[in-house]
Every structure is written in C-alpha cells, then in structure tokens.
C-alpha atoms as a PDB file:
ATOM      1  CA  MET A   1     -31.983-149.653  12.711  1.00  0.00           C
ATOM      2  CA  ALA A   2     -29.961-150.094  15.691  1.00  0.00           C
ATOM      3  CA  LYS A   3     -28.143-153.384  15.893  1.00  0.00           C
ATOM      4  CA  LEU A   4     -25.454-155.527  17.263  1.00  0.00           C
ATOM      5  CA  TYR A   5     -22.350-155.808  14.977  1.00  0.00           C
ATOM      6  CA  VAL A   6     -19.795-158.640  15.713  1.00  0.00           C
ATOM      7  CA  VAL A   7     -16.591-157.346  14.442  1.00  0.00           C
ATOM      8  CA  PRO A   8     -13.657-159.488  14.178  1.00  0.00           C
ATOM      9  CA  THR A   9     -10.191-157.936  15.060  1.00  0.00           C
ATOM     10  CA  PRO A  10      -6.488-158.640  13.831  1.00  0.00           C
ATOM     11  CA  ILE A  11      -4.726-161.578  15.852  1.00  0.00           C
ATOM     12  CA  GLY A  12      -1.544-159.890  15.572  1.00  0.00           C
ATOM     13  CA  ASN A  13      -0.896-157.680  12.665  1.00  0.00           C
ATOM     14  CA  LEU A  14      -3.089-154.549  13.077  1.00  0.00           C
ATOM     15  CA  ASP A  15      -3.139-154.220   9.165  1.00  0.00           C
ATOM     16  CA  ASP A  16      -5.415-157.359   9.129  1.00  0.00           C
ATOM     17  CA  ILE A  17      -8.442-155.036  10.066  1.00  0.00           C
ATOM     18  CA  THR A  18     -11.028-155.020   7.110  1.00  0.00           C
ATOM     19  CA  LEU A  19     -12.367-151.792   5.494  1.00  0.00           C
ATOM     20  CA  ARG A  20     -15.944-152.771   6.318  1.00  0.00           C
ATOM     21  CA  ALA A  21     -14.749-153.535  10.061  1.00  0.00           C
ATOM     22  CA  VAL A  22     -13.227-149.908  10.226  1.00  0.00           C
ATOM     23  CA  LYS A  23     -16.458-148.369   8.935  1.00  0.00           C
ATOM     24  CA  VAL A  24     -18.652-150.000  11.461  1.00  0.00           C
ATOM     25  CA  LEU A  25     -16.331-149.124  14.438  1.00  0.00           C
ATOM     26  CA  SER A  26     -16.442-145.500  13.344  1.00  0.00           C
ATOM     27  CA  GLU A  27     -20.282-145.320  12.954  1.00  0.00           C
ATOM     28  CA  VAL A  28     -21.534-147.431  16.087  1.00  0.00           C
ATOM     29  CA  ASP A  29     -22.587-145.499  19.236  1.00  0.00           C
ATOM     30  CA  PHE A  30     -20.378-147.448  21.411  1.00  0.00           C
ATOM     31  CA  ILE A  31     -18.111-150.591  21.461  1.00  0.00           C
ATOM     32  CA  LEU A  32     -17.836-153.485  23.810  1.00  0.00           C
ATOM     33  CA  ALA A  33     -14.310-154.452  24.314  1.00  0.00           C
ATOM     34  CA  GLU A  34     -12.870-157.596  26.010  1.00  0.00           C
ATOM     35  CA  ASP A  35     -10.262-155.443  27.260  1.00  0.00           C
ATOM     36  CA  THR A  36     -10.678-151.645  26.882  1.00  0.00           C
ATOM     37  CA  ARG A  37      -6.735-151.144  27.207  1.00  0.00           C
ATOM     38  CA  THR A  38      -6.003-153.630  24.452  1.00  0.00           C
ATOM     39  CA  SER A  39      -8.828-152.256  22.231  1.00  0.00           C
ATOM     40  CA  SER A  40      -7.733-148.579  22.719  1.00  0.00           C
ATOM     41  CA  VAL A  41      -4.348-149.704  20.965  1.00  0.00           C
ATOM     42  CA  LEU A  42      -6.297-150.705  18.068  1.00  0.00           C
ATOM     43  CA  LEU A  43      -8.423-147.594  17.826  1.00  0.00           C
ATOM     44  CA  LYS A  44      -5.822-145.347  18.161  1.00  0.00           C
ATOM     45  CA  HIS A  45      -3.962-147.202  14.981  1.00  0.00           C
ATOM     46  CA  LEU A  46      -7.152-146.635  13.109  1.00  0.00           C
ATOM     47  CA  GLY A  47      -7.503-143.059  14.148  1.00  0.00           C
ATOM     48  CA  LEU A  48     -10.635-143.722  16.185  1.00  0.00           C
ATOM     49  CA  GLU A  49     -12.149-142.082  19.158  1.00  0.00           C
ATOM     50  CA  LYS A  50     -15.531-144.029  20.645  1.00  0.00           C
ATOM     51  CA  LYS A  51     -16.746-144.756  23.875  1.00  0.00           C
ATOM     52  CA  MET A  52     -15.907-148.192  25.014  1.00  0.00           C
ATOM     53  CA  TYR A  53     -17.209-150.300  27.622  1.00  0.00           C
ATOM     54  CA  SER A  54     -15.656-153.767  29.152  1.00  0.00           C
ATOM     55  CA  HIS A  55     -17.621-156.786  28.105  1.00  0.00           C
ATOM     56  CA  HIS A  56     -15.625-160.063  29.256  1.00  0.00           C
ATOM     57  CA  LYS A  57     -16.299-163.518  30.602  1.00  0.00           C
ATOM     58  CA  PHE A  58     -16.091-162.154  34.133  1.00  0.00           C
ATOM     59  CA  ASN A  59     -19.128-159.609  33.608  1.00  0.00           C
ATOM     60  CA  GLU A  60     -20.955-160.736  30.687  1.00  0.00           C
ATOM     61  CA  HIS A  61     -23.525-162.636  32.479  1.00  0.00           C
ATOM     62  CA  ALA A  62     -24.525-159.410  34.451  1.00  0.00           C
ATOM     63  CA  THR A  63     -24.457-156.957  31.500  1.00  0.00           C
ATOM     64  CA  VAL A  64     -25.980-158.730  28.528  1.00  0.00           C
ATOM     65  CA  GLY A  65     -29.483-157.579  29.692  1.00  0.00           C
ATOM     66  CA  MET A  66     -28.456-153.855  29.975  1.00  0.00           C
ATOM     67  CA  VAL A  67     -26.639-153.984  26.546  1.00  0.00           C
ATOM     68  CA  ALA A  68     -29.433-155.388  24.618  1.00  0.00           C
ATOM     69  CA  SER A  69     -31.826-152.940  26.384  1.00  0.00           C
ATOM     70  CA  SER A  70     -29.534-150.055  25.350  1.00  0.00           C
ATOM     71  CA  ILE A  71     -29.486-151.370  21.598  1.00  0.00           C
ATOM     72  CA  ALA A  72     -33.301-151.859  21.669  1.00  0.00           C
ATOM     73  CA  GLU A  73     -33.724-148.221  22.488  1.00  0.00           C
ATOM     74  CA  GLY A  74     -31.859-147.173  19.503  1.00  0.00           C
ATOM     75  CA  ARG A  75     -28.124-147.375  19.904  1.00  0.00           C
ATOM     76  CA  SER A  76     -26.038-149.482  17.743  1.00  0.00           C
ATOM     77  CA  ALA A  77     -23.008-151.196  19.353  1.00  0.00           C
ATOM     78  CA  ALA A  78     -19.898-153.274  18.071  1.00  0.00           C
ATOM     79  CA  LEU A  79     -18.726-156.183  19.717  1.00  0.00           C
ATOM     80  CA  ILE A  80     -14.853-156.810  19.595  1.00  0.00           C
ATOM     81  CA  SER A  81     -12.544-159.206  21.546  1.00  0.00           C
ATOM     82  CA  ASP A  82      -8.992-158.658  22.174  1.00  0.00           C
ATOM     83  CA  ALA A  83      -8.095-160.683  18.820  1.00  0.00           C
ATOM     84  CA  GLY A  84      -9.886-162.493  16.305  1.00  0.00           C
ATOM     85  CA  THR A  85     -13.720-163.239  16.160  1.00  0.00           C
ATOM     86  CA  PRO A  86     -15.962-162.733  19.135  1.00  0.00           C
ATOM     87  CA  GLY A  87     -17.580-165.754  20.362  1.00  0.00           C
ATOM     88  CA  ILE A  88     -14.939-168.113  18.964  1.00  0.00           C
ATOM     89  CA  SER A  89     -13.027-169.036  22.608  1.00  0.00           C
ATOM     90  CA  ASP A  90     -13.974-165.532  23.430  1.00  0.00           C
ATOM     91  CA  PRO A  91     -16.940-163.870  25.057  1.00  0.00           C
ATOM     92  CA  GLY A  92     -19.745-163.128  22.702  1.00  0.00           C
ATOM     93  CA  PHE A  93     -22.204-166.172  22.540  1.00  0.00           C
ATOM     94  CA  LEU A  94     -24.271-164.911  25.758  1.00  0.00           C
ATOM     95  CA  LEU A  95     -24.653-161.243  24.162  1.00  0.00           C
ATOM     96  CA  VAL A  96     -25.537-162.631  20.867  1.00  0.00           C
ATOM     97  CA  ARG A  97     -28.256-164.931  22.118  1.00  0.00           C
ATOM     98  CA  LYS A  98     -29.865-162.342  24.295  1.00  0.00           C
ATOM     99  CA  CYS A  99     -30.116-160.091  21.321  1.00  0.00           C
ATOM    100  CA  LEU A 100     -31.730-162.571  19.196  1.00  0.00           C
ATOM    101  CA  GLU A 101     -34.428-163.488  21.980  1.00  0.00           C
ATOM    102  CA  GLU A 102     -34.966-159.671  22.261  1.00  0.00           C
ATOM    103  CA  GLY A 103     -35.604-159.223  18.609  1.00  0.00           C
ATOM    104  CA  ILE A 104     -32.448-157.305  17.863  1.00  0.00           C
ATOM    105  CA  GLU A 105     -30.776-157.815  14.584  1.00  0.00           C
ATOM    106  CA  VAL A 106     -27.380-159.181  14.922  1.00  0.00           C
ATOM    107  CA  GLU A 107     -24.945-158.742  11.776  1.00  0.00           C
ATOM    108  CA  THR A 108     -21.733-160.486  12.126  1.00  0.00           C
ATOM    109  CA  LEU A 109     -18.517-159.297   9.807  1.00  0.00           C
ATOM    110  CA  PRO A 110     -15.998-161.899   8.382  1.00  0.00           C
ATOM    111  CA  GLY A 111     -12.508-161.343   9.706  1.00  0.00           C
ATOM    112  CA  ALA A 112      -9.545-162.609  11.389  1.00  0.00           C
ATOM    113  CA  THR A 113      -9.860-166.100  13.259  1.00  0.00           C
ATOM    114  CA  ALA A 114      -6.547-167.861  14.564  1.00  0.00           C
ATOM    115  CA  PHE A 115      -7.438-171.465  13.496  1.00  0.00           C
ATOM    116  CA  VAL A 116      -8.084-170.797   9.763  1.00  0.00           C
ATOM    117  CA  PRO A 117      -4.440-169.962   8.772  1.00  0.00           C
ATOM    118  CA  ALA A 118      -3.035-172.472  11.249  1.00  0.00           C
ATOM    119  CA  LEU A 119      -5.444-175.321   9.492  1.00  0.00           C
ATOM    120  CA  VAL A 120      -4.600-174.229   5.997  1.00  0.00           C
ATOM    121  CA  GLN A 121      -0.978-174.243   6.370  1.00  0.00           C
ATOM    122  CA  SER A 122      -0.641-177.418   8.403  1.00  0.00           C
ATOM    123  CA  GLY A 123      -1.053-179.383   5.119  1.00  0.00           C
ATOM    124  CA  PHE A 124      -3.945-181.641   6.716  1.00  0.00           C
ATOM    125  CA  PRO A 125      -7.360-182.123   4.875  1.00  0.00           C
ATOM    126  CA  CYS A 126      -9.331-178.904   5.468  1.00  0.00           C
ATOM    127  CA  ASP A 127     -12.564-180.095   3.930  1.00  0.00           C
ATOM    128  CA  ARG A 128     -13.912-181.498   7.287  1.00  0.00           C
ATOM    129  CA  PHE A 129     -12.424-180.692  10.472  1.00  0.00           C
ATOM    130  CA  CYS A 130     -13.564-180.274  14.174  1.00  0.00           C
ATOM    131  CA  PHE A 131     -12.527-177.209  16.370  1.00  0.00           C
ATOM    132  CA  GLU A 132     -11.876-178.022  19.760  1.00  0.00           C
ATOM    133  CA  GLY A 133     -10.653-174.475  21.167  1.00  0.00           C
ATOM    134  CA  PHE A 134      -8.815-174.601  24.530  1.00  0.00           C
ATOM    135  CA  LEU A 135      -8.923-178.182  26.268  1.00  0.00           C
ATOM    136  CA  PRO A 136     -10.118-178.028  29.995  1.00  0.00           C
ATOM    137  CA  GLN A 137      -7.306-177.474  32.205  1.00  0.00           C
ATOM    138  CA  LYS A 138      -8.323-180.285  34.773  1.00  0.00           C
ATOM    139  CA  LYS A 139     -11.491-181.755  35.071  1.00  0.00           C
ATOM    140  CA  GLY A 140     -12.908-183.654  31.961  1.00  0.00           C
ATOM    141  CA  ARG A 141      -9.569-183.093  29.873  1.00  0.00           C
ATOM    142  CA  ASN A 142      -8.824-187.065  29.531  1.00  0.00           C
ATOM    143  CA  LYS A 143     -12.291-187.527  28.898  1.00  0.00           C
ATOM    144  CA  LEU A 144     -12.614-185.021  25.965  1.00  0.00           C
ATOM    145  CA  LEU A 145      -9.409-186.499  24.679  1.00  0.00           C
ATOM    146  CA  GLN A 146     -10.542-189.868  24.873  1.00  0.00           C
ATOM    147  CA  SER A 147     -13.490-189.208  22.800  1.00  0.00           C
ATOM    148  CA  LEU A 148     -11.191-188.044  20.143  1.00  0.00           C
ATOM    149  CA  VAL A 149      -8.994-191.066  19.913  1.00  0.00           C
ATOM    150  CA  GLU A 150     -11.249-192.471  16.654  1.00  0.00           C
ATOM    151  CA  GLU A 151     -11.583-189.072  15.348  1.00  0.00           C
ATOM    152  CA  THR A 152     -10.794-189.233  11.354  1.00  0.00           C
ATOM    153  CA  ARG A 153     -11.241-185.304  10.956  1.00  0.00           C
ATOM    154  CA  THR A 154      -8.463-182.872  11.373  1.00  0.00           C
ATOM    155  CA  MET A 155      -8.566-181.605  15.059  1.00  0.00           C
ATOM    156  CA  ILE A 156      -7.814-178.021  16.135  1.00  0.00           C
ATOM    157  CA  PHE A 157      -6.821-176.717  19.572  1.00  0.00           C
ATOM    158  CA  TYR A 158      -5.786-173.577  21.077  1.00  0.00           C
ATOM    159  CA  GLU A 159      -3.173-173.736  23.867  1.00  0.00           C
ATOM    160  CA  SER A 160      -1.309-171.686  26.377  1.00  0.00           C
ATOM    161  CA  PRO A 161       2.384-171.670  25.884  1.00  0.00           C
ATOM    162  CA  PHE A 162       3.000-173.146  29.572  1.00  0.00           C
ATOM    163  CA  ARG A 163       0.963-176.274  28.476  1.00  0.00           C
ATOM    164  CA  VAL A 164       1.897-176.799  24.838  1.00  0.00           C
ATOM    165  CA  VAL A 165       4.553-179.594  25.740  1.00  0.00           C
ATOM    166  CA  LYS A 166       2.087-181.243  28.220  1.00  0.00           C
ATOM    167  CA  THR A 167      -0.406-181.396  25.743  1.00  0.00           C
ATOM    168  CA  LEU A 168       1.785-182.769  23.030  1.00  0.00           C
ATOM    169  CA  GLU A 169       2.859-185.482  25.424  1.00  0.00           C
ATOM    170  CA  GLN A 170      -0.644-186.242  26.307  1.00  0.00           C
ATOM    171  CA  PHE A 171      -1.451-186.521  22.557  1.00  0.00           C
ATOM    172  CA  ALA A 172       1.475-189.046  22.018  1.00  0.00           C
ATOM    173  CA  GLU A 173      -0.014-191.241  24.806  1.00  0.00           C
ATOM    174  CA  LEU A 174      -3.492-191.365  23.418  1.00  0.00           C
ATOM    175  CA  PHE A 175      -3.109-190.825  19.709  1.00  0.00           C
ATOM    176  CA  GLY A 176       0.087-192.241  19.101  1.00  0.00           C
ATOM    177  CA  SER A 177       3.788-190.629  19.133  1.00  0.00           C
ATOM    178  CA  ASP A 178       3.950-191.158  15.167  1.00  0.00           C
ATOM    179  CA  ARG A 179       0.540-188.868  14.692  1.00  0.00           C
ATOM    180  CA  GLN A 180       1.311-186.064  12.476  1.00  0.00           C
ATOM    181  CA  VAL A 181       0.791-182.526  14.053  1.00  0.00           C
ATOM    182  CA  SER A 182       1.279-179.075  13.039  1.00  0.00           C
ATOM    183  CA  VAL A 183       1.872-176.228  15.773  1.00  0.00           C
ATOM    184  CA  SER A 184       1.492-172.635  14.929  1.00  0.00           C
ATOM    185  CA  ARG A 185       2.447-169.774  16.976  1.00  0.00           C
ATOM    186  CA  GLU A 186       2.158-165.989  16.812  1.00  0.00           C
ATOM    187  CA  LEU A 187       0.279-166.023  13.595  1.00  0.00           C
ATOM    188  CA  THR A 188       0.636-162.913  11.512  1.00  0.00           C
ATOM    189  CA  LYS A 189       3.316-161.461  13.991  1.00  0.00           C
ATOM    190  CA  LYS A 190       6.865-161.001  13.403  1.00  0.00           C
ATOM    191  CA  PHE A 191       8.075-164.256  14.677  1.00  0.00           C
ATOM    192  CA  GLU A 192       5.236-166.192  13.371  1.00  0.00           C
ATOM    193  CA  GLN A 193       6.293-169.976  13.298  1.00  0.00           C
ATOM    194  CA  THR A 194       4.942-173.378  12.368  1.00  0.00           C
ATOM    195  CA  VAL A 195       6.547-176.634  13.415  1.00  0.00           C
ATOM    196  CA  ARG A 196       5.245-179.799  11.745  1.00  0.00           C
ATOM    197  CA  GLY A 197       6.371-183.532  12.167  1.00  0.00           C
ATOM    198  CA  THR A 198       5.266-186.363  14.386  1.00  0.00           C
ATOM    199  CA  VAL A 199       3.739-185.456  17.847  1.00  0.00           C
ATOM    200  CA  ALA A 200       6.992-187.074  19.102  1.00  0.00           C
ATOM    201  CA  GLU A 201       9.386-184.758  17.011  1.00  0.00           C
ATOM    202  CA  VAL A 202       7.201-181.525  17.658  1.00  0.00           C
ATOM    203  CA  ALA A 203       7.253-182.284  21.534  1.00  0.00           C
ATOM    204  CA  ALA A 204      10.942-182.490  21.391  1.00  0.00           C
ATOM    205  CA  TYR A 205      11.297-179.446  19.712  1.00  0.00           C
ATOM    206  CA  PHE A 206       9.470-177.499  21.982  1.00  0.00           C
ATOM    207  CA  ARG A 207      11.288-179.126  25.138  1.00  0.00           C
ATOM    208  CA  GLU A 208      14.379-177.620  23.583  1.00  0.00           C
ATOM    209  CA  HIS A 209      12.818-174.313  22.646  1.00  0.00           C
ATOM    210  CA  THR A 210      10.797-172.679  25.281  1.00  0.00           C
ATOM    211  CA  PRO A 211       7.279-172.164  24.012  1.00  0.00           C
ATOM    212  CA  LYS A 212       6.356-168.321  23.628  1.00  0.00           C
ATOM    213  CA  GLY A 213       3.288-166.623  22.103  1.00  0.00           C
ATOM    214  CA  GLU A 214       0.013-167.804  21.389  1.00  0.00           C
ATOM    215  CA  PHE A 215      -0.417-171.364  19.894  1.00  0.00           C
ATOM    216  CA  VAL A 216      -2.891-173.284  17.662  1.00  0.00           C
ATOM    217  CA  ILE A 217      -2.353-177.153  17.417  1.00  0.00           C
ATOM    218  CA  VAL A 218      -3.706-178.994  14.481  1.00  0.00           C
ATOM    219  CA  LEU A 219      -3.609-182.667  14.799  1.00  0.00           C
ATOM    220  CA  GLY A 220      -4.093-185.046  11.874  1.00  0.00           C
ATOM    221  CA  GLY A 221      -7.067-187.238  12.033  1.00  0.00           C
ATOM    222  CA  LEU A 222      -6.941-190.942  12.666  1.00  0.00           C
ATOM    223  CA  PRO A 223      -5.830-192.457   9.295  1.00  0.00           C
ATOM    224  CA  LYS A 224      -8.334-194.400   7.496  1.00  0.00           C
ATOM    225  CA  PRO A 225      -7.260-198.128   6.462  1.00  0.00           C
ATOM    226  CA  ALA A 226      -6.145-198.190   2.911  1.00  0.00           C
ATOM    227  CA  ARG A 227      -8.809-199.711   0.652  1.00  0.00           C
ATOM    228  CA  SER A 228      -8.210-202.746  -1.354  1.00  0.00           C
ATOM    229  CA  GLN A 229      -7.906-202.709  -5.264  1.00  0.00           C
ATOM    230  CA  GLN A 230     -11.291-204.418  -5.302  1.00  0.00           C
ATOM    231  CA  GLU A 231     -12.848-202.037  -3.079  1.00  0.00           C
ATOM    232  CA  GLU A 232     -11.628-199.154  -5.149  1.00  0.00           C
ATOM    233  CA  GLU A 233     -13.218-200.747  -8.355  1.00  0.00           C
ATOM    234  CA  ASP A 234     -16.311-201.473  -6.573  1.00  0.00           C
ATOM    235  CA  ASN A 235     -16.670-197.672  -5.717  1.00  0.00           C
ATOM    236  CA  GLU A 236     -15.784-196.661  -9.065  1.00  0.00           C
ATOM    237  CA  ASN A 237     -18.502-199.025 -10.624  1.00  0.00           C
ATOM    238  CA  GLU A 238     -21.075-197.580  -8.174  1.00  0.00           C
END
C-alpha cells in the first residue's frame, strides 16, 4: 500500500544512514527533498537514482495537497530534509498532517536528530527536557526567553553561528552568568566540538574563537533548592 515515509538523514557523517532508510529510499516511487542539490549528494553516496521533488518551507503550503493526492493514487513517497529528521525544525509537519487527514498512512523511521547527541553528551539530566529549536530572531524572542527563566528541565536550542555569542549573552542576562551550558557544533563531522562551562565562560570562548558550523545549545535548568535533612527523611518515609 502506498504511504508517506518520513526518513531521517545524516546530520553530517553520511555513514550514519540506517540500512532501513537506504531500503526505503531505494523502493519508493519518489523522494521529497528540502534541497534536491544537497540530497543528490547523499543519494549518489548511496548509489541510488530516484526522482526527487523540492519540498521546503517556501513551497510546502502550496504543494502538500498535490503530494497527498499523488500518494492516494498509489505512489509511495519518502520525505527527507537536508539533515536530521523532517519536522524537527525542518519542513514536514504540514505534509504529515495533510496525509493523516486524507487517511494516508504515515510511517516514520527512527534516525539522526542533532539535539539527541548534544543533550546526552552535555552531562545534564536527560530524563526530562524541553526542546525549543530556533529562537525567534526578533519579535517574541525576549518574551519566550522570559517564559523559560523558571524552567527546571534541561533546555535545548538550535542556533546560527552568527548569533551564538548574542544568544549566550542574553542567557547570561536572563538566566545568570553562572548557569551551566553545553554548546556543541558540527556534530558527527570532522571538526565536532563541545564546549562546556558557565554561560559567561562559554560566551567568552566563542568571542575569542569565531563560531563556525551548526550549533546546538544545551542549557541547564534552574537548580532546585536543596532539601533539608528532615525533608529527605520525610520523603523516604512516604
């Protein structure tokens, strides 16, 4: 039965593609790619030749209907982004929703997502966290950050290299310069790097070392007040 496959692609190292993803990409009738030029490099690496169509944030509103109709007529499709899992700070949500509304089956493969390795190697609690993706560049930015001041969970942000220092400086103002942060860049690539420390320390590092590549910022949550010995004992007795 024709369906929409949501297929994660490597975030840097092309060898991170899964065997299942290769199988799906080789069997579908066509592929929807965020940038066909970028995706053609991956397909060439995999030795695959497949019809590709552009599906990005600038045309997705106009094309989701046509794509859903094509799948409903019996053609299977794979949705991929330039890197990572479609729908996570990338196009994908609108098409998935449209297919579900039309009764078209959607199957999502597990795979690469940049924030997962950044979170795990940050050293911060991973059991509960909130993913904020890219912050608004202007309107709504401060309001959103203000809403996170009391957040106790680990927080994850994507950021452009051109705004990394500015973002860390804003974090220092709102969350405190001594709040712990872990900044990862170029994950899975040759020059992968993670810088950890206080917000002030990491901001100072990137002022001296020009930020390059793709960044994931993992910010520690607001520390919970230390409980008294009596509170600990009461908790154990409950």
